[in-house]
Amino acid sequence: MVEEHEVSGGKNAKAHFVWKCGNCKRESSAKFDTSRAVKSYVAENGQLQPILEIECRGLEFTGFDPSGIWKCTGAESGTKFDEVDLNEPEWVDYDEKAQLPVGVSEFKSEWSRA
């Protein structure tokens, strides 16, 4: 579960990221949409796959750094990989159920407006 914070000026409004400008004191916020499941991605389609949707108020994200530990699931086998370390440029493992190598490489990101 992702931590939520109160947003000032709204009735029971909450967001996952709240920031107040030190100069103008204006408050901005962002809230992750956790209702949409992430679709499986396979390299064959060659398209970027959405992994998150964020509602932004008063701010705009310009970059994304995937560094850290992620959780992934095998597209065909459902095998759980709970320690996917994206601090390195490439992660590889072996899916015993599918009897196939799995990995994350050439991670790219882009932002688009909904």
PDB file of N, CA and C in Angstrom:
ATOM      1  N   MET A   1       0.839  -1.188   0.000  1.00  0.00           N
ATOM      2  CA  MET A   1       0.000   0.000   0.000  1.00  0.00           C
ATOM      3  C   MET A   1       0.876   1.241   0.000  1.00  0.00           C
ATOM      4  N   VAL A   2       0.469   2.249  -0.707  1.00  0.00           N
ATOM      5  CA  VAL A   2       1.220   3.491  -0.821  1.00  0.00           C
ATOM      6  C   VAL A   2       0.664   4.500   0.183  1.00  0.00           C
ATOM      7  N   GLU A   3       1.550   5.168   0.886  1.00  0.00           N
ATOM      8  CA  GLU A   3       1.162   6.144   1.908  1.00  0.00           C
ATOM      9  C   GLU A   3       0.453   7.343   1.281  1.00  0.00           C
ATOM     10  N   GLU A   4      -0.627   7.803   1.931  1.00  0.00           N
ATOM     11  CA  GLU A   4      -1.364   8.982   1.469  1.00  0.00           C
ATOM     12  C   GLU A   4      -1.200  10.124   2.463  1.00  0.00           C
ATOM     13  N   HIS A   5      -1.275  11.358   1.940  1.00  0.00           N
ATOM     14  CA  HIS A   5      -1.135  12.567   2.750  1.00  0.00           C
ATOM     15  C   HIS A   5      -2.326  13.480   2.494  1.00  0.00           C
ATOM     16  N   GLU A   6      -2.690  14.253   3.509  1.00  0.00           N
ATOM     17  CA  GLU A   6      -3.785  15.216   3.372  1.00  0.00           C
ATOM     18  C   GLU A   6      -3.381  16.336   2.422  1.00  0.00           C
ATOM     19  N   VAL A   7      -4.341  16.770   1.594  1.00  0.00           N
ATOM     20  CA  VAL A   7      -4.150  17.915   0.707  1.00  0.00           C
ATOM     21  C   VAL A   7      -4.947  19.063   1.289  1.00  0.00           C
ATOM     22  N   SER A   8      -4.298  20.182   1.545  1.00  0.00           N
ATOM     23  CA  SER A   8      -5.010  21.314   2.145  1.00  0.00           C
ATOM     24  C   SER A   8      -5.978  21.927   1.140  1.00  0.00           C
ATOM     25  N   GLY A   9      -7.069  22.482   1.633  1.00  0.00           N
ATOM     26  CA  GLY A   9      -8.036  23.162   0.788  1.00  0.00           C
ATOM     27  C   GLY A   9      -9.056  22.250   0.133  1.00  0.00           C
ATOM     28  N   GLY A  10      -9.046  20.974   0.424  1.00  0.00           N
ATOM     29  CA  GLY A  10     -10.016  20.066  -0.178  1.00  0.00           C
ATOM     30  C   GLY A  10     -10.658  19.206   0.893  1.00  0.00           C
ATOM     31  N   LYS A  11     -11.947  18.909   0.715  1.00  0.00           N
ATOM     32  CA  LYS A  11     -12.645  18.060   1.676  1.00  0.00           C
ATOM     33  C   LYS A  11     -12.135  16.633   1.570  1.00  0.00           C
ATOM     34  N   ASN A  12     -11.487  16.165   2.617  1.00  0.00           N
ATOM     35  CA  ASN A  12     -10.966  14.798   2.679  1.00  0.00           C
ATOM     36  C   ASN A  12     -10.081  14.438   1.493  1.00  0.00           C
ATOM     37  N   ALA A  13      -9.483  15.440   0.855  1.00  0.00           N
ATOM     38  CA  ALA A  13      -8.616  15.181  -0.291  1.00  0.00           C
ATOM     39  C   ALA A  13      -7.287  14.602   0.183  1.00  0.00           C
ATOM     40  N   LYS A  14      -6.836  13.550  -0.507  1.00  0.00           N
ATOM     41  CA  LYS A  14      -5.573  12.904  -0.176  1.00  0.00           C
ATOM     42  C   LYS A  14      -4.778  12.688  -1.447  1.00  0.00           C
ATOM     43  N   ALA A  15      -3.462  12.626  -1.296  1.00  0.00           N
ATOM     44  CA  ALA A  15      -2.573  12.358  -2.428  1.00  0.00           C
ATOM     45  C   ALA A  15      -1.376  11.568  -1.923  1.00  0.00           C
ATOM     46  N   HIS A  16      -0.667  10.925  -2.839  1.00  0.00           N
ATOM     47  CA  HIS A  16       0.510  10.148  -2.473  1.00  0.00           C
ATOM     48  C   HIS A  16       1.759  11.023  -2.388  1.00  0.00           C
ATOM     49  N   PHE A  17       1.727  12.175  -3.052  1.00  0.00           N
ATOM     50  CA  PHE A  17       2.848  13.113  -3.032  1.00  0.00           C
ATOM     51  C   PHE A  17       2.273  14.515  -2.904  1.00  0.00           C
ATOM     52  N   VAL A  18       2.677  15.239  -1.870  1.00  0.00           N
ATOM     53  CA  VAL A  18       2.227  16.617  -1.666  1.00  0.00           C
ATOM     54  C   VAL A  18       3.469  17.471  -1.468  1.00  0.00           C
ATOM     55  N   TRP A  19       3.546  18.574  -2.205  1.00  0.00           N
ATOM     56  CA  TRP A  19       4.721  19.452  -2.162  1.00  0.00           C
ATOM     57  C   TRP A  19       4.270  20.900  -2.095  1.00  0.00           C
ATOM     58  N   LYS A  20       4.900  21.680  -1.229  1.00  0.00           N
ATOM     59  CA  LYS A  20       4.584  23.101  -1.100  1.00  0.00           C
ATOM     60  C   LYS A  20       5.812  23.911  -1.509  1.00  0.00           C
ATOM     61  N   CYS A  21       5.625  24.849  -2.433  1.00  0.00           N
ATOM     62  CA  CYS A  21       6.709  25.697  -2.917  1.00  0.00           C
ATOM     63  C   CYS A  21       7.210  26.585  -1.782  1.00  0.00           C
ATOM     64  N   GLY A  22       8.503  26.616  -1.602  1.00  0.00           N
ATOM     65  CA  GLY A  22       9.103  27.429  -0.551  1.00  0.00           C
ATOM     66  C   GLY A  22       8.991  28.918  -0.819  1.00  0.00           C
ATOM     67  N   ASN A  23       8.836  29.320  -2.079  1.00  0.00           N
ATOM     68  CA  ASN A  23       8.739  30.742  -2.425  1.00  0.00           C
ATOM     69  C   ASN A  23       7.305  31.252  -2.383  1.00  0.00           C
ATOM     70  N   CYS A  24       6.423  30.640  -3.162  1.00  0.00           N
ATOM     71  CA  CYS A  24       5.052  31.147  -3.264  1.00  0.00           C
ATOM     72  C   CYS A  24       4.078  30.439  -2.329  1.00  0.00           C
ATOM     73  N   LYS A  25       4.514  29.352  -1.686  1.00  0.00           N
ATOM     74  CA  LYS A  25       3.701  28.569  -0.738  1.00  0.00           C
ATOM     75  C   LYS A  25       2.545  27.834  -1.395  1.00  0.00           C
ATOM     76  N   ARG A  26       2.530  27.771  -2.723  1.00  0.00           N
ATOM     77  CA  ARG A  26       1.488  27.047  -3.438  1.00  0.00           C
ATOM     78  C   ARG A  26       1.696  25.546  -3.254  1.00  0.00           C
ATOM     79  N   GLU A  27       0.601  24.827  -3.036  1.00  0.00           N
ATOM     80  CA  GLU A  27       0.675  23.393  -2.824  1.00  0.00           C
ATOM     81  C   GLU A  27       0.346  22.640  -4.113  1.00  0.00           C
ATOM     82  N   SER A  28       1.126  21.626  -4.398  1.00  0.00           N
ATOM     83  CA  SER A  28       0.908  20.763  -5.556  1.00  0.00           C
ATOM     84  C   SER A  28       0.819  19.327  -5.064  1.00  0.00           C
ATOM     85  N   SER A  29       0.167  18.470  -5.844  1.00  0.00           N
ATOM     86  CA  SER A  29       0.020  17.084  -5.403  1.00  0.00           C
ATOM     87  C   SER A  29      -0.037  16.122  -6.584  1.00  0.00           C
ATOM     88  N   ALA A  30       0.205  14.867  -6.261  1.00  0.00           N
ATOM     89  CA  ALA A  30       0.107  13.795  -7.254  1.00  0.00           C
ATOM     90  C   ALA A  30      -0.478  12.566  -6.565  1.00  0.00           C
ATOM     91  N   LYS A  31      -1.350  11.883  -7.285  1.00  0.00           N
ATOM     92  CA  LYS A  31      -1.988  10.689  -6.742  1.00  0.00           C
ATOM     93  C   LYS A  31      -1.896   9.568  -7.770  1.00  0.00           C
ATOM     94  N   PHE A  32      -1.401   8.409  -7.318  1.00  0.00           N
ATOM     95  CA  PHE A  32      -1.297   7.240  -8.180  1.00  0.00           C
ATOM     96  C   PHE A  32      -2.663   6.607  -8.355  1.00  0.00           C
ATOM     97  N   ASP A  33      -2.995   6.209  -9.582  1.00  0.00           N
ATOM     98  CA  ASP A  33      -4.226   5.465  -9.833  1.00  0.00           C
ATOM     99  C   ASP A  33      -3.896   3.990  -9.668  1.00  0.00           C
ATOM    100  N   THR A  34      -4.318   3.416  -8.546  1.00  0.00           N
ATOM    101  CA  THR A  34      -4.002   2.019  -8.251  1.00  0.00           C
ATOM    102  C   THR A  34      -5.116   1.071  -8.697  1.00  0.00           C
ATOM    103  N   SER A  35      -6.163   1.592  -9.335  1.00  0.00           N
ATOM    104  CA  SER A  35      -7.291   0.756  -9.733  1.00  0.00           C
ATOM    105  C   SER A  35      -7.027  -0.010 -11.027  1.00  0.00           C
ATOM    106  N   ARG A  36      -6.064   0.438 -11.812  1.00  0.00           N
ATOM    107  CA  ARG A  36      -5.776  -0.228 -13.086  1.00  0.00           C
ATOM    108  C   ARG A  36      -4.616  -1.201 -12.929  1.00  0.00           C
ATOM    109  N   ALA A  37      -4.845  -2.435 -13.322  1.00  0.00           N
ATOM    110  CA  ALA A  37      -3.789  -3.453 -13.251  1.00  0.00           C
ATOM    111  C   ALA A  37      -2.788  -3.241 -14.377  1.00  0.00           C
ATOM    112  N   VAL A  38      -1.535  -3.523 -14.098  1.00  0.00           N
ATOM    113  CA  VAL A  38      -0.489  -3.422 -15.104  1.00  0.00           C
ATOM    114  C   VAL A  38      -0.593  -4.632 -16.031  1.00  0.00           C
ATOM    115  N   LYS A  39      -0.626  -4.389 -17.329  1.00  0.00           N
ATOM    116  CA  LYS A  39      -0.704  -5.478 -18.299  1.00  0.00           C
ATOM    117  C   LYS A  39       0.675  -6.100 -18.476  1.00  0.00           C
ATOM    118  N   SER A  40       0.691  -7.373 -18.804  1.00  0.00           N
ATOM    119  CA  SER A  40       1.951  -8.072 -19.057  1.00  0.00           C
ATOM    120  C   SER A  40       2.643  -7.464 -20.262  1.00  0.00           C
ATOM    121  N   TYR A  41       3.955  -7.406 -20.185  1.00  0.00           N
ATOM    122  CA  TYR A  41       4.751  -6.882 -21.286  1.00  0.00           C
ATOM    123  C   TYR A  41       5.650  -7.984 -21.812  1.00  0.00           C
ATOM    124  N   VAL A  42       5.676  -8.142 -23.109  1.00  0.00           N
ATOM    125  CA  VAL A  42       6.610  -9.069 -23.738  1.00  0.00           C
ATOM    126  C   VAL A  42       7.370  -8.293 -24.806  1.00  0.00           C
ATOM    127  N   ALA A  43       8.641  -8.580 -24.928  1.00  0.00           N
ATOM    128  CA  ALA A  43       9.523  -7.813 -25.809  1.00  0.00           C
ATOM    129  C   ALA A  43       9.096  -7.832 -27.270  1.00  0.00           C
ATOM    130  N   GLU A  44       8.373  -8.865 -27.677  1.00  0.00           N
ATOM    131  CA  GLU A  44       8.022  -8.993 -29.082  1.00  0.00           C
ATOM    132  C   GLU A  44       7.187  -7.833 -29.601  1.00  0.00           C
ATOM    133  N   ASN A  45       6.366  -7.212 -28.735  1.00  0.00           N
ATOM    134  CA  ASN A  45       5.519  -6.141 -29.244  1.00  0.00           C
ATOM    135  C   ASN A  45       6.295  -4.835 -29.451  1.00  0.00           C
ATOM    136  N   GLY A  46       7.437  -4.662 -28.796  1.00  0.00           N
ATOM    137  CA  GLY A  46       8.304  -3.522 -29.029  1.00  0.00           C
ATOM    138  C   GLY A  46       7.724  -2.170 -28.639  1.00  0.00           C
ATOM    139  N   GLN A  47       6.581  -2.148 -27.995  1.00  0.00           N
ATOM    140  CA  GLN A  47       5.934  -0.898 -27.600  1.00  0.00           C
ATOM    141  C   GLN A  47       6.165  -0.629 -26.122  1.00  0.00           C
ATOM    142  N   LEU A  48       6.163   0.644 -25.737  1.00  0.00           N
ATOM    143  CA  LEU A  48       6.224   0.980 -24.319  1.00  0.00           C
ATOM    144  C   LEU A  48       4.924   0.528 -23.663  1.00  0.00           C
ATOM    145  N   GLN A  49       5.022   0.009 -22.445  1.00  0.00           N
ATOM    146  CA  GLN A  49       3.860  -0.492 -21.711  1.00  0.00           C
ATOM    147  C   GLN A  49       3.607   0.394 -20.502  1.00  0.00           C
ATOM    148  N   PRO A  50       2.406   0.956 -20.354  1.00  0.00           N
ATOM    149  CA  PRO A  50       2.128   1.770 -19.157  1.00  0.00           C
ATOM    150  C   PRO A  50       2.284   0.942 -17.882  1.00  0.00           C
ATOM    151  N   ILE A  51       3.007   1.494 -16.901  1.00  0.00           N
ATOM    152  CA  ILE A  51       3.145   0.806 -15.620  1.00  0.00           C
ATOM    153  C   ILE A  51       2.517   1.593 -14.486  1.00  0.00           C
ATOM    154  N   LEU A  52       2.203   2.873 -14.730  1.00  0.00           N
ATOM    155  CA  LEU A  52       1.502   3.642 -13.713  1.00  0.00           C
ATOM    156  C   LEU A  52       0.822   4.846 -14.325  1.00  0.00           C
ATOM    157  N   GLU A  53      -0.244   5.282 -13.646  1.00  0.00           N
ATOM    158  CA  GLU A  53      -0.979   6.470 -14.051  1.00  0.00           C
ATOM    159  C   GLU A  53      -1.036   7.381 -12.836  1.00  0.00           C
ATOM    160  N   ILE A  54      -0.725   8.660 -13.039  1.00  0.00           N
ATOM    161  CA  ILE A  54      -0.665   9.613 -11.934  1.00  0.00           C
ATOM    162  C   ILE A  54      -1.530  10.829 -12.264  1.00  0.00           C
ATOM    163  N   GLU A  55      -2.391  11.209 -11.321  1.00  0.00           N
ATOM    164  CA  GLU A  55      -3.167  12.444 -11.456  1.00  0.00           C
ATOM    165  C   GLU A  55      -2.365  13.556 -10.787  1.00  0.00           C
ATOM    166  N   CYS A  56      -1.952  14.551 -11.581  1.00  0.00           N
ATOM    167  CA  CYS A  56      -1.129  15.650 -11.064  1.00  0.00           C
ATOM    168  C   CYS A  56      -1.957  16.926 -10.955  1.00  0.00           C
ATOM    169  N   ARG A  57      -1.756  17.631  -9.867  1.00  0.00           N
ATOM    170  CA  ARG A  57      -2.420  18.922  -9.652  1.00  0.00           C
ATOM    171  C   ARG A  57      -1.351  19.954  -9.324  1.00  0.00           C
ATOM    172  N   GLY A  58      -1.111  20.885 -10.261  1.00  0.00           N
ATOM    173  CA  GLY A  58      -0.154  21.962 -10.032  1.00  0.00           C
ATOM    174  C   GLY A  58       1.291  21.575 -10.275  1.00  0.00           C
ATOM    175  N   LEU A  59       1.530  20.412 -10.844  1.00  0.00           N
ATOM    176  CA  LEU A  59       2.901  20.010 -11.152  1.00  0.00           C
ATOM    177  C   LEU A  59       2.899  19.080 -12.350  1.00  0.00           C
ATOM    178  N   GLU A  60       4.069  18.878 -12.910  1.00  0.00           N
ATOM    179  CA  GLU A  60       4.215  17.998 -14.059  1.00  0.00           C
ATOM    180  C   GLU A  60       5.530  17.246 -13.931  1.00  0.00           C
ATOM    181  N   PHE A  61       5.468  15.914 -13.956  1.00  0.00           N
ATOM    182  CA  PHE A  61       6.677  15.112 -13.893  1.00  0.00           C
ATOM    183  C   PHE A  61       7.391  15.180 -15.238  1.00  0.00           C
ATOM    184  N   THR A  62       8.718  15.182 -15.208  1.00  0.00           N
ATOM    185  CA  THR A  62       9.496  15.265 -16.444  1.00  0.00           C
ATOM    186  C   THR A  62      10.419  14.073 -16.644  1.00  0.00           C
ATOM    187  N   GLY A  63      10.596  13.249 -15.636  1.00  0.00           N
ATOM    188  CA  GLY A  63      11.480  12.102 -15.764  1.00  0.00           C
ATOM    189  C   GLY A  63      11.073  10.999 -14.812  1.00  0.00           C
ATOM    190  N   PHE A  64      11.651   9.821 -15.023  1.00  0.00           N
ATOM    191  CA  PHE A  64      11.348   8.667 -14.185  1.00  0.00           C
ATOM    192  C   PHE A  64      12.616   7.853 -14.019  1.00  0.00           C
ATOM    193  N   ASP A  65      12.980   7.548 -12.791  1.00  0.00           N
ATOM    194  CA  ASP A  65      14.157   6.741 -12.489  1.00  0.00           C
ATOM    195  C   ASP A  65      13.684   5.438 -11.861  1.00  0.00           C
ATOM    196  N   PRO A  66      13.823   4.305 -12.568  1.00  0.00           N
ATOM    197  CA  PRO A  66      13.302   3.040 -12.058  1.00  0.00           C
ATOM    198  C   PRO A  66      14.189   2.379 -11.005  1.00  0.00           C
ATOM    199  N   SER A  67      15.244   3.036 -10.574  1.00  0.00           N
ATOM    200  CA  SER A  67      16.176   2.428  -9.612  1.00  0.00           C
ATOM    201  C   SER A  67      15.436   1.911  -8.384  1.00  0.00           C
ATOM    202  N   GLY A  68      15.892   0.766  -7.885  1.00  0.00           N
ATOM    203  CA  GLY A  68      15.302   0.190  -6.691  1.00  0.00           C
ATOM    204  C   GLY A  68      14.903  -1.251  -6.915  1.00  0.00           C
ATOM    205  N   ILE A  69      14.221  -1.806  -5.936  1.00  0.00           N
ATOM    206  CA  ILE A  69      13.770  -3.189  -5.987  1.00  0.00           C
ATOM    207  C   ILE A  69      12.307  -3.216  -6.424  1.00  0.00           C
ATOM    208  N   TRP A  70      12.021  -3.989  -7.456  1.00  0.00           N
ATOM    209  CA  TRP A  70      10.684  -4.118  -8.020  1.00  0.00           C
ATOM    210  C   TRP A  70      10.195  -5.551  -7.869  1.00  0.00           C
ATOM    211  N   LYS A  71       8.892  -5.737  -8.084  1.00  0.00           N
ATOM    212  CA  LYS A  71       8.294  -7.071  -8.121  1.00  0.00           C
ATOM    213  C   LYS A  71       7.751  -7.282  -9.527  1.00  0.00           C
ATOM    214  N   CYS A  72       8.024  -8.442 -10.086  1.00  0.00           N
ATOM    215  CA  CYS A  72       7.541  -8.786 -11.426  1.00  0.00           C
ATOM    216  C   CYS A  72       6.901 -10.163 -11.404  1.00  0.00           C
ATOM    217  N   THR A  73       6.075 -10.429 -12.408  1.00  0.00           N
ATOM    218  CA  THR A  73       5.407 -11.713 -12.551  1.00  0.00           C
ATOM    219  C   THR A  73       5.635 -12.229 -13.959  1.00  0.00           C
ATOM    220  N   GLY A  74       5.984 -13.509 -14.071  1.00  0.00           N
ATOM    221  CA  GLY A  74       6.183 -14.123 -15.385  1.00  0.00           C
ATOM    222  C   GLY A  74       4.922 -14.026 -16.222  1.00  0.00           C
ATOM    223  N   ALA A  75       5.042 -13.534 -17.456  1.00  0.00           N
ATOM    224  CA  ALA A  75       3.884 -13.302 -18.328  1.00  0.00           C
ATOM    225  C   ALA A  75       3.102 -14.583 -18.606  1.00  0.00           C
ATOM    226  N   GLU A  76       3.783 -15.675 -18.804  1.00  0.00           N
ATOM    227  CA  GLU A  76       3.096 -16.923 -19.157  1.00  0.00           C
ATOM    228  C   GLU A  76       2.919 -17.860 -17.967  1.00  0.00           C
ATOM    229  N   SER A  77       3.885 -17.861 -17.040  1.00  0.00           N
ATOM    230  CA  SER A  77       3.861 -18.834 -15.945  1.00  0.00           C
ATOM    231  C   SER A  77       3.238 -18.316 -14.656  1.00  0.00           C
ATOM    232  N   GLY A  78       3.222 -17.001 -14.494  1.00  0.00           N
ATOM    233  CA  GLY A  78       2.739 -16.428 -13.239  1.00  0.00           C
ATOM    234  C   GLY A  78       3.766 -16.482 -12.117  1.00  0.00           C
ATOM    235  N   THR A  79       4.999 -16.907 -12.429  1.00  0.00           N
ATOM    236  CA  THR A  79       6.066 -16.980 -11.427  1.00  0.00           C
ATOM    237  C   THR A  79       6.343 -15.585 -10.861  1.00  0.00           C
ATOM    238  N   LYS A  80       6.425 -15.485  -9.538  1.00  0.00           N
ATOM    239  CA  LYS A  80       6.700 -14.217  -8.862  1.00  0.00           C
ATOM    240  C   LYS A  80       8.198 -14.018  -8.701  1.00  0.00           C
ATOM    241  N   PHE A  81       8.664 -12.835  -9.061  1.00  0.00           N
ATOM    242  CA  PHE A  81      10.048 -12.422  -8.853  1.00  0.00           C
ATOM    243  C   PHE A  81       9.988 -11.195  -7.949  1.00  0.00           C
ATOM    244  N   ASP A  82      10.259 -11.384  -6.647  1.00  0.00           N
ATOM    245  CA  ASP A  82      10.076 -10.322  -5.654  1.00  0.00           C
ATOM    246  C   ASP A  82      11.295  -9.434  -5.454  1.00  0.00           C
ATOM    247  N   GLU A  83      12.432  -9.778  -6.013  1.00  0.00           N
ATOM    248  CA  GLU A  83      13.662  -9.008  -5.808  1.00  0.00           C
ATOM    249  C   GLU A  83      14.284  -8.611  -7.142  1.00  0.00           C
ATOM    250  N   VAL A  84      13.537  -7.884  -7.966  1.00  0.00           N
ATOM    251  CA  VAL A  84      14.049  -7.432  -9.259  1.00  0.00           C
ATOM    252  C   VAL A  84      14.784  -6.114  -9.019  1.00  0.00           C
ATOM    253  N   ASP A  85      16.121  -6.172  -9.052  1.00  0.00           N
ATOM    254  CA  ASP A  85      16.963  -5.024  -8.737  1.00  0.00           C
ATOM    255  C   ASP A  85      17.243  -4.213  -9.999  1.00  0.00           C
ATOM    256  N   LEU A  86      16.584  -3.059 -10.141  1.00  0.00           N
ATOM    257  CA  LEU A  86      16.781  -2.217 -11.308  1.00  0.00           C
ATOM    258  C   LEU A  86      17.795  -1.106 -11.047  1.00  0.00           C
ATOM    259  N   ASN A  87      18.644  -1.271 -10.027  1.00  0.00           N
ATOM    260  CA  ASN A  87      19.743  -0.332  -9.805  1.00  0.00           C
ATOM    261  C   ASN A  87      20.824  -0.517 -10.860  1.00  0.00           C
ATOM    262  N   GLU A  88      20.845  -1.685 -11.485  1.00  0.00           N
ATOM    263  CA  GLU A  88      21.778  -1.979 -12.570  1.00  0.00           C
ATOM    264  C   GLU A  88      21.027  -1.826 -13.895  1.00  0.00           C
ATOM    265  N   PRO A  89      21.743  -1.639 -15.011  1.00  0.00           N
ATOM    266  CA  PRO A  89      21.057  -1.446 -16.295  1.00  0.00           C
ATOM    267  C   PRO A  89      20.307  -2.677 -16.814  1.00  0.00           C
ATOM    268  N   GLU A  90      20.616  -3.862 -16.267  1.00  0.00           N
ATOM    269  CA  GLU A  90      19.961  -5.074 -16.743  1.00  0.00           C
ATOM    270  C   GLU A  90      19.750  -6.048 -15.585  1.00  0.00           C
ATOM    271  N   TRP A  91      18.589  -6.703 -15.577  1.00  0.00           N
ATOM    272  CA  TRP A  91      18.293  -7.750 -14.591  1.00  0.00           C
ATOM    273  C   TRP A  91      17.940  -9.015 -15.360  1.00  0.00           C
ATOM    274  N   VAL A  92      18.513 -10.150 -14.964  1.00  0.00           N
ATOM    275  CA  VAL A  92      18.196 -11.428 -15.601  1.00  0.00           C
ATOM    276  C   VAL A  92      17.986 -12.504 -14.545  1.00  0.00           C
ATOM    277  N   ASP A  93      17.151 -13.492 -14.869  1.00  0.00           N
ATOM    278  CA  ASP A  93      16.876 -14.615 -13.982  1.00  0.00           C
ATOM    279  C   ASP A  93      16.376 -15.764 -14.869  1.00  0.00           C
ATOM    280  N   TYR A  94      15.932 -16.833 -14.222  1.00  0.00           N
ATOM    281  CA  TYR A  94      15.398 -17.970 -14.960  1.00  0.00           C
ATOM    282  C   TYR A  94      14.052 -18.352 -14.371  1.00  0.00           C
ATOM    283  N   ASP A  95      13.047 -18.488 -15.221  1.00  0.00           N
ATOM    284  CA  ASP A  95      11.703 -18.878 -14.808  1.00  0.00           C
ATOM    285  C   ASP A  95      11.610 -20.399 -14.902  1.00  0.00           C
ATOM    286  N   GLU A  96      11.645 -21.068 -13.746  1.00  0.00           N
ATOM    287  CA  GLU A  96      11.621 -22.533 -13.702  1.00  0.00           C
ATOM    288  C   GLU A  96      10.330 -23.104 -14.292  1.00  0.00           C
ATOM    289  N   LYS A  97       9.191 -22.481 -14.003  1.00  0.00           N
ATOM    290  CA  LYS A  97       7.908 -22.989 -14.500  1.00  0.00           C
ATOM    291  C   LYS A  97       7.838 -22.933 -16.024  1.00  0.00           C
ATOM    292  N   ALA A  98       8.246 -21.795 -16.587  1.00  0.00           N
ATOM    293  CA  ALA A  98       8.193 -21.621 -18.038  1.00  0.00           C
ATOM    294  C   ALA A  98       9.415 -22.214 -18.728  1.00  0.00           C
ATOM    295  N   GLN A  99      10.434 -22.533 -17.951  1.00  0.00           N
ATOM    296  CA  GLN A  99      11.707 -23.026 -18.460  1.00  0.00           C
ATOM    297  C   GLN A  99      12.289 -22.080 -19.511  1.00  0.00           C
ATOM    298  N   LEU A 100      12.283 -20.797 -19.127  1.00  0.00           N
ATOM    299  CA  LEU A 100      12.787 -19.743 -20.011  1.00  0.00           C
ATOM    300  C   LEU A 100      13.565 -18.712 -19.210  1.00  0.00           C
ATOM    301  N   PRO A 101      14.575 -18.096 -19.842  1.00  0.00           N
ATOM    302  CA  PRO A 101      15.234 -16.970 -19.174  1.00  0.00           C
ATOM    303  C   PRO A 101      14.294 -15.759 -19.193  1.00  0.00           C
ATOM    304  N   VAL A 102      14.361 -14.937 -18.164  1.00  0.00           N
ATOM    305  CA  VAL A 102      13.565 -13.715 -18.080  1.00  0.00           C
ATOM    306  C   VAL A 102      14.493 -12.566 -17.757  1.00  0.00           C
ATOM    307  N   GLY A 103      14.078 -11.348 -18.080  1.00  0.00           N
ATOM    308  CA  GLY A 103      14.940 -10.220 -17.772  1.00  0.00           C
ATOM    309  C   GLY A 103      14.290  -8.882 -18.043  1.00  0.00           C
ATOM    310  N   VAL A 104      14.949  -7.851 -17.552  1.00  0.00           N
ATOM    311  CA  VAL A 104      14.570  -6.464 -17.802  1.00  0.00           C
ATOM    312  C   VAL A 104      15.823  -5.779 -18.308  1.00  0.00           C
ATOM    313  N   SER A 105      15.730  -5.169 -19.487  1.00  0.00           N
ATOM    314  CA  SER A 105      16.865  -4.439 -20.049  1.00  0.00           C
ATOM    315  C   SER A 105      16.339  -3.297 -20.905  1.00  0.00           C
ATOM    316  N   GLU A 106      17.193  -2.368 -21.198  1.00  0.00           N
ATOM    317  CA  GLU A 106      16.828  -1.219 -22.028  1.00  0.00           C
ATOM    318  C   GLU A 106      15.556  -0.547 -21.522  1.00  0.00           C
ATOM    319  N   PHE A 107      15.474  -0.343 -20.206  1.00  0.00           N
ATOM    320  CA  PHE A 107      14.300   0.290 -19.601  1.00  0.00           C
ATOM    321  C   PHE A 107      14.224   1.735 -20.082  1.00  0.00           C
ATOM    322  N   LYS A 108      13.086   2.118 -20.657  1.00  0.00           N
ATOM    323  CA  LYS A 108      12.864   3.483 -21.132  1.00  0.00           C
ATOM    324  C   LYS A 108      11.562   3.995 -20.538  1.00  0.00           C
ATOM    325  N   SER A 109      11.441   5.307 -20.465  1.00  0.00           N
ATOM    326  CA  SER A 109      10.199   5.861 -19.965  1.00  0.00           C
ATOM    327  C   SER A 109       9.829   7.111 -20.749  1.00  0.00           C
ATOM    328  N   GLU A 110       8.535   7.388 -20.770  1.00  0.00           N
ATOM    329  CA  GLU A 110       8.041   8.635 -21.359  1.00  0.00           C
ATOM    330  C   GLU A 110       6.777   9.024 -20.615  1.00  0.00           C
ATOM    331  N   TRP A 111       6.506  10.304 -20.578  1.00  0.00           N
ATOM    332  CA  TRP A 111       5.315  10.828 -19.930  1.00  0.00           C
ATOM    333  C   TRP A 111       4.355  11.301 -21.022  1.00  0.00           C
ATOM    334  N   SER A 112       3.065  11.072 -20.809  1.00  0.00           N
ATOM    335  CA  SER A 112       2.061  11.566 -21.736  1.00  0.00           C
ATOM    336  C   SER A 112       0.846  12.020 -20.952  1.00  0.00           C
ATOM    337  N   ARG A 113       0.134  12.954 -21.548  1.00  0.00           N
ATOM    338  CA  ARG A 113      -1.085  13.460 -20.898  1.00  0.00           C
ATOM    339  C   ARG A 113      -2.260  12.562 -21.270  1.00  0.00           C
ATOM    340  N   ALA A 114      -3.127  12.356 -20.294  1.00  0.00           N
ATOM    341  CA  ALA A 114      -4.302  11.504 -20.528  1.00  0.00           C
ATOM    342  C   ALA A 114      -5.354  12.259 -21.291  1.00  0.00           C
TER     343      ALA A 114
END
